[in-house]
Amino acid sequence: MKIPVLALIMGAALAASLPAHAAVKTIVLVHGAFADGSGWKPIADILVSHGYSVRVVQEPETSFDADAFWTRPVLVSWSDTVMAA
């Protein structure tokens, strides 16, 4: 229970620190080991409510190379400034 609460707090802090008119318009959330993209849902909802476009990468977690393979196209698919977290 501590990890989702911490993630929610971090997401709220991130959303509060980046006004919607900032250069960053798209935020890509990438999960870590032993998790999946669904853990970012509360944070993604907060960021969307603040006007950001949010994408969550669902990596296969089979290898670092495979994770990078699935993440790279998401990062390069926008012409605006993208922040990855």
Protein backbone atom coordinates (compact mmCIF):
# COMPACT_ATOMS: atom_id res chain seq x y z
CA MET A 1 0.00 0.00 0.00
CA LYS A 2 2.92 2.36 0.61
CA ILE A 3 4.14 2.29 -3.00
CA PRO A 4 0.82 3.40 -4.63
CA VAL A 5 0.47 6.19 -2.06
CA LEU A 6 4.03 7.33 -2.71
CA ALA A 7 3.43 7.19 -6.47
CA LEU A 8 0.24 9.22 -6.08
CA ILE A 9 2.06 11.87 -4.03
CA MET A 10 4.90 12.01 -6.57
CA GLY A 11 2.43 12.36 -9.43
CA ALA A 12 0.54 15.14 -7.69
CA ALA A 13 3.80 16.96 -6.98
CA LEU A 14 4.85 16.58 -10.62
CA ALA A 15 1.52 17.87 -11.87
CA ALA A 16 1.64 20.84 -9.51
CA SER A 17 5.20 21.72 -10.48
CA LEU A 18 4.55 21.70 -14.25
CA PRO A 19 1.90 24.19 -15.32
CA ALA A 20 -0.08 23.15 -18.40
CA HIS A 21 1.38 26.05 -20.38
CA ALA A 22 4.95 24.83 -19.86
CA ALA A 23 7.01 23.56 -22.80
CA VAL A 24 6.23 19.97 -21.82
CA LYS A 25 2.91 18.86 -23.28
CA THR A 26 3.35 15.09 -23.34
CA ILE A 27 4.47 12.93 -20.44
CA VAL A 28 5.49 9.31 -20.97
CA LEU A 29 5.33 7.13 -17.86
CA VAL A 30 7.53 4.04 -17.86
CA HIS A 31 7.14 1.47 -15.10
CA GLY A 32 10.01 -0.27 -13.36
CA ALA A 33 10.70 -3.87 -12.51
CA PHE A 34 8.04 -6.00 -10.83
CA ALA A 35 5.24 -3.67 -11.93
CA ASP A 36 3.18 -2.89 -14.98
CA GLY A 37 1.75 0.21 -16.58
CA SER A 38 -1.51 0.06 -14.63
CA GLY A 39 0.34 1.35 -11.56
CA TRP A 40 0.62 4.73 -13.29
CA LYS A 41 -3.18 5.16 -13.69
CA PRO A 42 -3.70 7.47 -10.68
CA ILE A 43 -0.78 9.65 -11.74
CA ALA A 44 -1.86 9.67 -15.39
CA ASP A 45 -5.35 10.78 -14.34
CA ILE A 46 -3.92 13.70 -12.34
CA LEU A 47 -1.68 14.79 -15.20
CA VAL A 48 -4.50 14.57 -17.76
CA SER A 49 -6.70 16.70 -15.48
CA HIS A 50 -3.95 19.34 -15.61
CA GLY A 51 -3.98 19.39 -19.41
CA TYR A 52 -1.13 17.05 -20.30
CA SER A 53 -1.14 14.29 -22.89
CA VAL A 54 -0.03 11.15 -21.05
CA ARG A 55 1.15 7.84 -22.46
CA VAL A 56 1.98 4.80 -20.36
CA VAL A 57 4.45 2.32 -21.85
CA GLN A 58 3.62 -1.34 -21.19
CA GLU A 59 6.99 -3.08 -21.39
CA PRO A 60 7.36 -6.86 -21.70
CA GLU A 61 10.02 -7.01 -18.92
CA THR A 62 11.83 -9.82 -20.69
CA SER A 63 15.09 -7.91 -21.11
CA PHE A 64 16.44 -4.38 -21.07
CA ASP A 65 16.70 -4.44 -24.86
CA ALA A 66 13.07 -5.51 -25.22
CA ASP A 67 11.94 -2.80 -22.79
CA ALA A 68 13.91 -0.18 -24.75
CA PHE A 69 12.45 -1.53 -28.01
CA TRP A 70 8.89 -0.88 -26.75
CA THR A 71 9.71 2.47 -25.11
CA ARG A 72 11.70 4.14 -27.92
CA PRO A 73 8.83 4.47 -30.46
CA VAL A 74 6.61 6.06 -27.81
CA LEU A 75 9.26 8.67 -27.03
CA VAL A 76 9.93 9.62 -30.64
CA SER A 77 6.34 9.61 -31.92
CA TRP A 78 5.57 13.23 -30.97
CA SER A 79 6.89 16.44 -32.43
CA ASP A 80 6.42 18.39 -29.19
CA THR A 81 8.56 18.27 -26.07
CA VAL A 82 8.20 14.97 -24.21
CA MET A 83 9.15 14.23 -20.61
CA ALA A 84 9.70 10.64 -19.56
CA ALA A 85 9.27 9.61 -15.94
